[in-house]
PDB file of all heavy atoms in Angstrom:
ATOM      1  N   LYS A   1       6.317  -0.753  15.278  1.00  0.00           N
ATOM      2  CA  LYS A   1       5.534  -1.419  14.232  1.00  0.00           C
ATOM      3  C   LYS A   1       4.060  -1.363  14.614  1.00  0.00           C
ATOM      4  O   LYS A   1       3.662  -1.836  15.682  1.00  0.00           O
ATOM      5  CB  LYS A   1       6.007  -2.861  14.071  1.00  0.00           C
ATOM      6  CG  LYS A   1       7.416  -2.961  13.496  1.00  0.00           C
ATOM      7  CD  LYS A   1       7.911  -4.398  13.424  1.00  0.00           C
ATOM      8  CE  LYS A   1       8.430  -4.877  14.745  1.00  0.00           C
ATOM      9  NZ  LYS A   1       9.106  -6.194  14.640  1.00  0.00           N
ATOM     10  N   THR A   2       3.244  -0.792  13.731  1.00  0.00           N
ATOM     11  CA  THR A   2       1.823  -0.670  13.998  1.00  0.00           C
ATOM     12  C   THR A   2       1.072  -1.883  13.460  1.00  0.00           C
ATOM     13  O   THR A   2       1.643  -2.761  12.806  1.00  0.00           O
ATOM     14  CB  THR A   2       1.244   0.610  13.359  1.00  0.00           C
ATOM     15  OG1 THR A   2       1.225   0.447  11.938  1.00  0.00           O
ATOM     16  CG2 THR A   2       2.081   1.828  13.709  1.00  0.00           C
ATOM     17  N   GLY A   3      -0.231  -1.913  13.700  1.00  0.00           N
ATOM     18  CA  GLY A   3      -1.048  -3.019  13.228  1.00  0.00           C
ATOM     19  C   GLY A   3      -1.029  -3.176  11.722  1.00  0.00           C
ATOM     20  O   GLY A   3      -1.120  -4.295  11.193  1.00  0.00           O
ATOM     21  N   MET A   4      -0.894  -2.071  11.002  1.00  0.00           N
ATOM     22  CA  MET A   4      -0.867  -2.150   9.542  1.00  0.00           C
ATOM     23  C   MET A   4       0.344  -2.914   9.065  1.00  0.00           C
ATOM     24  O   MET A   4       0.284  -3.676   8.077  1.00  0.00           O
ATOM     25  CB  MET A   4      -0.895  -0.743   8.938  1.00  0.00           C
ATOM     26  CG  MET A   4      -2.205  -0.012   9.196  1.00  0.00           C
ATOM     27  SD  MET A   4      -2.254   1.616   8.425  1.00  0.00           S
ATOM     28  CE  MET A   4      -0.985   2.477   9.337  1.00  0.00           C
ATOM     29  N   TYR A   5       1.474  -2.739   9.746  1.00  0.00           N
ATOM     30  CA  TYR A   5       2.676  -3.501   9.400  1.00  0.00           C
ATOM     31  C   TYR A   5       2.394  -4.993   9.507  1.00  0.00           C
ATOM     32  O   TYR A   5       2.721  -5.767   8.578  1.00  0.00           O
ATOM     33  CB  TYR A   5       3.833  -3.110  10.341  1.00  0.00           C
ATOM     34  CG  TYR A   5       4.983  -4.086  10.291  1.00  0.00           C
ATOM     35  CD1 TYR A   5       5.972  -3.964   9.321  1.00  0.00           C
ATOM     36  CD2 TYR A   5       5.066  -5.132  11.194  1.00  0.00           C
ATOM     37  CE1 TYR A   5       7.017  -4.877   9.246  1.00  0.00           C
ATOM     38  CE2 TYR A   5       6.104  -6.043  11.147  1.00  0.00           C
ATOM     39  CZ  TYR A   5       7.075  -5.911  10.175  1.00  0.00           C
ATOM     40  OH  TYR A   5       8.100  -6.819  10.095  1.00  0.00           O
ATOM     41  N   TYR A   6       1.780  -5.418  10.598  1.00  0.00           N
ATOM     42  CA  TYR A   6       1.535  -6.839  10.798  1.00  0.00           C
ATOM     43  C   TYR A   6       0.472  -7.369   9.848  1.00  0.00           C
ATOM     44  O   TYR A   6       0.526  -8.535   9.417  1.00  0.00           O
ATOM     45  CB  TYR A   6       1.147  -7.102  12.248  1.00  0.00           C
ATOM     46  CG  TYR A   6       2.304  -6.907  13.206  1.00  0.00           C
ATOM     47  CD1 TYR A   6       2.380  -5.782  14.019  1.00  0.00           C
ATOM     48  CD2 TYR A   6       3.335  -7.833  13.268  1.00  0.00           C
ATOM     49  CE1 TYR A   6       3.455  -5.596  14.887  1.00  0.00           C
ATOM     50  CE2 TYR A   6       4.417  -7.657  14.123  1.00  0.00           C
ATOM     51  CZ  TYR A   6       4.471  -6.543  14.938  1.00  0.00           C
ATOM     52  OH  TYR A   6       5.537  -6.366  15.781  1.00  0.00           O
ATOM     53  N   ALA A   7      -0.498  -6.529   9.497  1.00  0.00           N
ATOM     54  CA  ALA A   7      -1.524  -6.967   8.550  1.00  0.00           C
ATOM     55  C   ALA A   7      -0.907  -7.350   7.208  1.00  0.00           C
ATOM     56  O   ALA A   7      -1.209  -8.406   6.638  1.00  0.00           O
ATOM     57  CB  ALA A   7      -2.566  -5.871   8.365  1.00  0.00           C
ATOM     58  N   ILE A   8      -0.016  -6.493   6.698  1.00  0.00           N
ATOM     59  CA  ILE A   8       0.634  -6.799   5.426  1.00  0.00           C
ATOM     60  C   ILE A   8       1.546  -8.017   5.557  1.00  0.00           C
ATOM     61  O   ILE A   8       1.640  -8.855   4.651  1.00  0.00           O
ATOM     62  CB  ILE A   8       1.425  -5.584   4.919  1.00  0.00           C
ATOM     63  CG1 ILE A   8       0.531  -4.357   4.785  1.00  0.00           C
ATOM     64  CG2 ILE A   8       2.071  -5.885   3.562  1.00  0.00           C
ATOM     65  CD1 ILE A   8       1.273  -3.074   4.511  1.00  0.00           C
ATOM     66  N   LYS A   9       2.191  -8.147   6.705  1.00  0.00           N
ATOM     67  CA  LYS A   9       3.145  -9.240   6.889  1.00  0.00           C
ATOM     68  C   LYS A   9       2.467 -10.605   6.799  1.00  0.00           C
ATOM     69  O   LYS A   9       3.105 -11.592   6.392  1.00  0.00           O
ATOM     70  CB  LYS A   9       3.853  -9.100   8.249  1.00  0.00           C
ATOM     71  CG  LYS A   9       5.008 -10.073   8.444  1.00  0.00           C
ATOM     72  CD  LYS A   9       5.761  -9.788   9.741  1.00  0.00           C
ATOM     73  CE  LYS A   9       6.936 -10.741   9.899  1.00  0.00           C
ATOM     74  NZ  LYS A   9       7.712 -10.430  11.139  1.00  0.00           N
ATOM     75  N   HIS A  10       1.204 -10.714   7.163  1.00  0.00           N
ATOM     76  CA  HIS A  10       0.483 -11.974   7.015  1.00  0.00           C
ATOM     77  C   HIS A  10       0.526 -12.461   5.573  1.00  0.00           C
ATOM     78  O   HIS A  10       0.468 -13.665   5.321  1.00  0.00           O
ATOM     79  CB  HIS A  10      -0.964 -11.813   7.474  1.00  0.00           C
ATOM     80  CG  HIS A  10      -1.159 -12.000   8.946  1.00  0.00           C
ATOM     81  ND1 HIS A  10      -1.372 -13.229   9.511  1.00  0.00           N
ATOM     82  CD2 HIS A  10      -1.166 -11.100   9.958  1.00  0.00           C
ATOM     83  CE1 HIS A  10      -1.498 -13.090  10.825  1.00  0.00           C
ATOM     84  NE2 HIS A  10      -1.383 -11.815  11.117  1.00  0.00           N
ATOM     85  N   PHE A  11       0.625 -11.544   4.639  1.00  0.00           N
ATOM     86  CA  PHE A  11       0.680 -11.904   3.215  1.00  0.00           C
ATOM     87  C   PHE A  11       2.118 -11.922   2.709  1.00  0.00           C
ATOM     88  O   PHE A  11       2.580 -12.899   2.115  1.00  0.00           O
ATOM     89  CB  PHE A  11      -0.147 -10.914   2.403  1.00  0.00           C
ATOM     90  CG  PHE A  11      -1.581 -10.872   2.809  1.00  0.00           C
ATOM     91  CD1 PHE A  11      -2.015 -10.052   3.856  1.00  0.00           C
ATOM     92  CD2 PHE A  11      -2.523 -11.657   2.158  1.00  0.00           C
ATOM     93  CE1 PHE A  11      -3.342 -10.019   4.236  1.00  0.00           C
ATOM     94  CE2 PHE A  11      -3.859 -11.621   2.538  1.00  0.00           C
ATOM     95  CZ  PHE A  11      -4.265 -10.802   3.585  1.00  0.00           C
ATOM     96  N   SER A  12       2.853 -10.818   2.941  1.00  0.00           N
ATOM     97  CA  SER A  12       4.183 -10.683   2.355  1.00  0.00           C
ATOM     98  C   SER A  12       5.151 -11.747   2.871  1.00  0.00           C
ATOM     99  O   SER A  12       6.031 -12.205   2.127  1.00  0.00           O
ATOM    100  CB  SER A  12       4.746  -9.285   2.636  1.00  0.00           C
ATOM    101  OG  SER A  12       4.905  -9.061   4.030  1.00  0.00           O
ATOM    102  N   ARG A  13       4.989 -12.156   4.111  1.00  0.00           N
ATOM    103  CA  ARG A  13       5.899 -13.124   4.720  1.00  0.00           C
ATOM    104  C   ARG A  13       5.693 -14.534   4.164  1.00  0.00           C
ATOM    105  O   ARG A  13       6.645 -15.319   4.041  1.00  0.00           O
ATOM    106  CB  ARG A  13       5.708 -13.124   6.236  1.00  0.00           C
ATOM    107  CG  ARG A  13       6.551 -14.132   6.987  1.00  0.00           C
ATOM    108  CD  ARG A  13       7.988 -13.728   7.047  1.00  0.00           C
ATOM    109  NE  ARG A  13       8.822 -14.796   7.574  1.00  0.00           N
ATOM    110  CZ  ARG A  13      10.141 -14.797   7.543  1.00  0.00           C
ATOM    111  NH1 ARG A  13      10.775 -13.778   7.007  1.00  0.00           N
ATOM    112  NH2 ARG A  13      10.837 -15.793   8.039  1.00  0.00           N
ATOM    113  N   PHE A  14       4.471 -14.883   3.828  1.00  0.00           N
ATOM    114  CA  PHE A  14       4.141 -16.281   3.533  1.00  0.00           C
ATOM    115  C   PHE A  14       3.684 -16.533   2.096  1.00  0.00           C
ATOM    116  O   PHE A  14       3.741 -17.669   1.638  1.00  0.00           O
ATOM    117  CB  PHE A  14       3.070 -16.755   4.512  1.00  0.00           C
ATOM    118  CG  PHE A  14       3.466 -16.580   5.947  1.00  0.00           C
ATOM    119  CD1 PHE A  14       2.854 -15.613   6.742  1.00  0.00           C
ATOM    120  CD2 PHE A  14       4.460 -17.363   6.501  1.00  0.00           C
ATOM    121  CE1 PHE A  14       3.228 -15.441   8.063  1.00  0.00           C
ATOM    122  CE2 PHE A  14       4.838 -17.198   7.829  1.00  0.00           C
ATOM    123  CZ  PHE A  14       4.223 -16.236   8.613  1.00  0.00           C
ATOM    124  N   VAL A  15       3.243 -15.481   1.388  1.00  0.00           N
ATOM    125  CA  VAL A  15       2.777 -15.669   0.010  1.00  0.00           C
ATOM    126  C   VAL A  15       3.921 -15.246  -0.911  1.00  0.00           C
ATOM    127  O   VAL A  15       4.079 -14.081  -1.254  1.00  0.00           O
ATOM    128  CB  VAL A  15       1.506 -14.835  -0.259  1.00  0.00           C
ATOM    129  CG1 VAL A  15       1.012 -15.084  -1.687  1.00  0.00           C
ATOM    130  CG2 VAL A  15       0.412 -15.192   0.750  1.00  0.00           C
ATOM    131  N   ASP A  16       4.721 -16.222  -1.285  1.00  0.00           N
ATOM    132  CA  ASP A  16       5.913 -15.952  -2.079  1.00  0.00           C
ATOM    133  C   ASP A  16       5.530 -15.477  -3.489  1.00  0.00           C
ATOM    134  O   ASP A  16       4.441 -15.780  -3.991  1.00  0.00           O
ATOM    135  CB  ASP A  16       6.773 -17.209  -2.211  1.00  0.00           C
ATOM    136  CG  ASP A  16       7.306 -17.694  -0.873  1.00  0.00           C
ATOM    137  OD1 ASP A  16       7.548 -16.852   0.001  1.00  0.00           O
ATOM    138  OD2 ASP A  16       7.455 -18.919  -0.704  1.00  0.00           O
ATOM    139  N   ARG A  17       6.474 -14.761  -4.126  1.00  0.00           N
ATOM    140  CA  ARG A  17       6.292 -14.434  -5.532  1.00  0.00           C
ATOM    141  C   ARG A  17       6.099 -15.732  -6.335  1.00  0.00           C
ATOM    142  O   ARG A  17       6.721 -16.755  -6.046  1.00  0.00           O
ATOM    143  CB  ARG A  17       7.490 -13.661  -6.059  1.00  0.00           C
ATOM    144  CG  ARG A  17       7.420 -13.382  -7.559  1.00  0.00           C
ATOM    145  CD  ARG A  17       8.468 -12.379  -7.999  1.00  0.00           C
ATOM    146  NE  ARG A  17       8.225 -11.088  -7.365  1.00  0.00           N
ATOM    147  CZ  ARG A  17       9.177 -10.200  -7.062  1.00  0.00           C
ATOM    148  NH1 ARG A  17      10.436 -10.482  -7.304  1.00  0.00           N
ATOM    149  NH2 ARG A  17       8.866  -9.045  -6.499  1.00  0.00           N
ATOM    150  N   ASP A  18       5.229 -15.666  -7.325  1.00  0.00           N
ATOM    151  CA  ASP A  18       4.852 -16.809  -8.171  1.00  0.00           C
ATOM    152  C   ASP A  18       3.919 -17.782  -7.473  1.00  0.00           C
ATOM    153  O   ASP A  18       3.632 -18.861  -8.025  1.00  0.00           O
ATOM    154  CB  ASP A  18       6.080 -17.534  -8.731  1.00  0.00           C
ATOM    155  CG  ASP A  18       6.909 -16.651  -9.654  1.00  0.00           C
ATOM    156  OD1 ASP A  18       6.303 -15.805 -10.359  1.00  0.00           O
ATOM    157  OD2 ASP A  18       8.136 -16.790  -9.674  1.00  0.00           O
ATOM    158  N   SER A  19       3.435 -17.419  -6.278  1.00  0.00           N
ATOM    159  CA  SER A  19       2.294 -18.163  -5.727  1.00  0.00           C
ATOM    160  C   SER A  19       1.098 -17.945  -6.632  1.00  0.00           C
ATOM    161  O   SER A  19       1.014 -16.937  -7.344  1.00  0.00           O
ATOM    162  CB  SER A  19       1.965 -17.688  -4.310  1.00  0.00           C
ATOM    163  OG  SER A  19       3.027 -17.949  -3.413  1.00  0.00           O
ATOM    164  N   VAL A  20       0.165 -18.868  -6.586  1.00  0.00           N
ATOM    165  CA  VAL A  20      -1.039 -18.757  -7.411  1.00  0.00           C
ATOM    166  C   VAL A  20      -2.251 -18.757  -6.491  1.00  0.00           C
ATOM    167  O   VAL A  20      -2.383 -19.610  -5.609  1.00  0.00           O
ATOM    168  CB  VAL A  20      -1.132 -19.934  -8.402  1.00  0.00           C
ATOM    169  CG1 VAL A  20      -2.433 -19.868  -9.200  1.00  0.00           C
ATOM    170  CG2 VAL A  20       0.067 -19.918  -9.356  1.00  0.00           C
ATOM    171  N   ARG A  21      -3.115 -17.782  -6.689  1.00  0.00           N
ATOM    172  CA  ARG A  21      -4.349 -17.754  -5.900  1.00  0.00           C
ATOM    173  C   ARG A  21      -5.235 -18.922  -6.297  1.00  0.00           C
ATOM    174  O   ARG A  21      -5.345 -19.256  -7.484  1.00  0.00           O
ATOM    175  CB  ARG A  21      -5.106 -16.441  -6.112  1.00  0.00           C
ATOM    176  CG  ARG A  21      -6.410 -16.388  -5.269  1.00  0.00           C
ATOM    177  CD  ARG A  21      -7.051 -15.024  -5.339  1.00  0.00           C
ATOM    178  NE  ARG A  21      -7.624 -14.704  -6.632  1.00  0.00           N
ATOM    179  CZ  ARG A  21      -8.879 -14.988  -7.000  1.00  0.00           C
ATOM    180  NH1 ARG A  21      -9.684 -15.640  -6.184  1.00  0.00           N
ATOM    181  NH2 ARG A  21      -9.316 -14.612  -8.188  1.00  0.00           N
ATOM    182  N   VAL A  22      -5.843 -19.527  -5.260  1.00  0.00           N
ATOM    183  CA  VAL A  22      -6.774 -20.631  -5.492  1.00  0.00           C
ATOM    184  C   VAL A  22      -8.117 -20.296  -4.846  1.00  0.00           C
ATOM    185  O   VAL A  22      -8.250 -19.344  -4.072  1.00  0.00           O
ATOM    186  CB  VAL A  22      -6.232 -21.955  -4.941  1.00  0.00           C
ATOM    187  CG1 VAL A  22      -4.964 -22.361  -5.674  1.00  0.00           C
ATOM    188  CG2 VAL A  22      -5.970 -21.867  -3.432  1.00  0.00           C
ATOM    189  N   SER A  23      -9.107 -21.105  -5.146  1.00  0.00           N
ATOM    190  CA  SER A  23     -10.476 -20.836  -4.702  1.00  0.00           C
ATOM    191  C   SER A  23     -10.655 -21.121  -3.209  1.00  0.00           C
ATOM    192  O   SER A  23     -10.230 -22.155  -2.708  1.00  0.00           O
ATOM    193  CB  SER A  23     -11.449 -21.699  -5.501  1.00  0.00           C
ATOM    194  OG  SER A  23     -12.766 -21.569  -5.005  1.00  0.00           O
ATOM    195  N   ILE A  24     -11.259 -20.171  -2.514  1.00  0.00           N
ATOM    196  CA  ILE A  24     -11.711 -20.385  -1.143  1.00  0.00           C
ATOM    197  C   ILE A  24     -12.975 -19.553  -0.942  1.00  0.00           C
ATOM    198  O   ILE A  24     -13.063 -18.423  -1.425  1.00  0.00           O
ATOM    199  CB  ILE A  24     -10.630 -20.027  -0.097  1.00  0.00           C
ATOM    200  CG1 ILE A  24     -11.070 -20.460   1.304  1.00  0.00           C
ATOM    201  CG2 ILE A  24     -10.301 -18.547  -0.132  1.00  0.00           C
ATOM    202  CD1 ILE A  24      -9.974 -20.305   2.371  1.00  0.00           C
ATOM    203  N   THR A  25     -13.938 -20.106  -0.266  1.00  0.00           N
ATOM    204  CA  THR A  25     -15.146 -19.337   0.061  1.00  0.00           C
ATOM    205  C   THR A  25     -14.906 -18.581   1.350  1.00  0.00           C
ATOM    206  O   THR A  25     -13.980 -18.859   2.112  1.00  0.00           O
ATOM    207  CB  THR A  25     -16.351 -20.270   0.235  1.00  0.00           C
ATOM    208  OG1 THR A  25     -16.119 -21.160   1.337  1.00  0.00           O
ATOM    209  CG2 THR A  25     -16.608 -21.086  -1.033  1.00  0.00           C
ATOM    210  N   ASP A  26     -15.752 -17.577   1.600  1.00  0.00           N
ATOM    211  CA  ASP A  26     -15.715 -16.913   2.907  1.00  0.00           C
ATOM    212  C   ASP A  26     -17.134 -16.590   3.335  1.00  0.00           C
ATOM    213  O   ASP A  26     -18.098 -16.998   2.680  1.00  0.00           O
ATOM    214  CB  ASP A  26     -14.807 -15.689   2.911  1.00  0.00           C
ATOM    215  CG  ASP A  26     -15.190 -14.608   1.925  1.00  0.00           C
ATOM    216  OD1 ASP A  26     -16.295 -14.689   1.347  1.00  0.00           O
ATOM    217  OD2 ASP A  26     -14.392 -13.674   1.735  1.00  0.00           O
ATOM    218  N   THR A  27     -17.271 -15.889   4.429  1.00  0.00           N
ATOM    219  CA  THR A  27     -18.583 -15.572   4.987  1.00  0.00           C
ATOM    220  C   THR A  27     -18.620 -14.099   5.344  1.00  0.00           C
ATOM    221  O   THR A  27     -17.608 -13.389   5.241  1.00  0.00           O
ATOM    222  CB  THR A  27     -18.869 -16.410   6.241  1.00  0.00           C
ATOM    223  OG1 THR A  27     -17.996 -15.991   7.302  1.00  0.00           O
ATOM    224  CG2 THR A  27     -18.650 -17.909   5.969  1.00  0.00           C
ATOM    225  N   ASP A  28     -19.747 -13.613   5.804  1.00  0.00           N
ATOM    226  CA  ASP A  28     -19.834 -12.223   6.258  1.00  0.00           C
ATOM    227  C   ASP A  28     -18.897 -11.973   7.429  1.00  0.00           C
ATOM    228  O   ASP A  28     -18.335 -10.886   7.573  1.00  0.00           O
ATOM    229  CB  ASP A  28     -21.274 -11.895   6.654  1.00  0.00           C
ATOM    230  CG  ASP A  28     -22.213 -11.818   5.465  1.00  0.00           C
ATOM    231  OD1 ASP A  28     -21.710 -11.650   4.331  1.00  0.00           O
ATOM    232  OD2 ASP A  28     -23.444 -11.940   5.661  1.00  0.00           O
TER     233      ASP A  28
END
């Protein structure tokens, strides 16, 4: 498993279908 696998898993594992994106700010 390469780093790309783990990068996607941060989302696919925890952001279930029918989740709704909400507002968050970020920085540079």
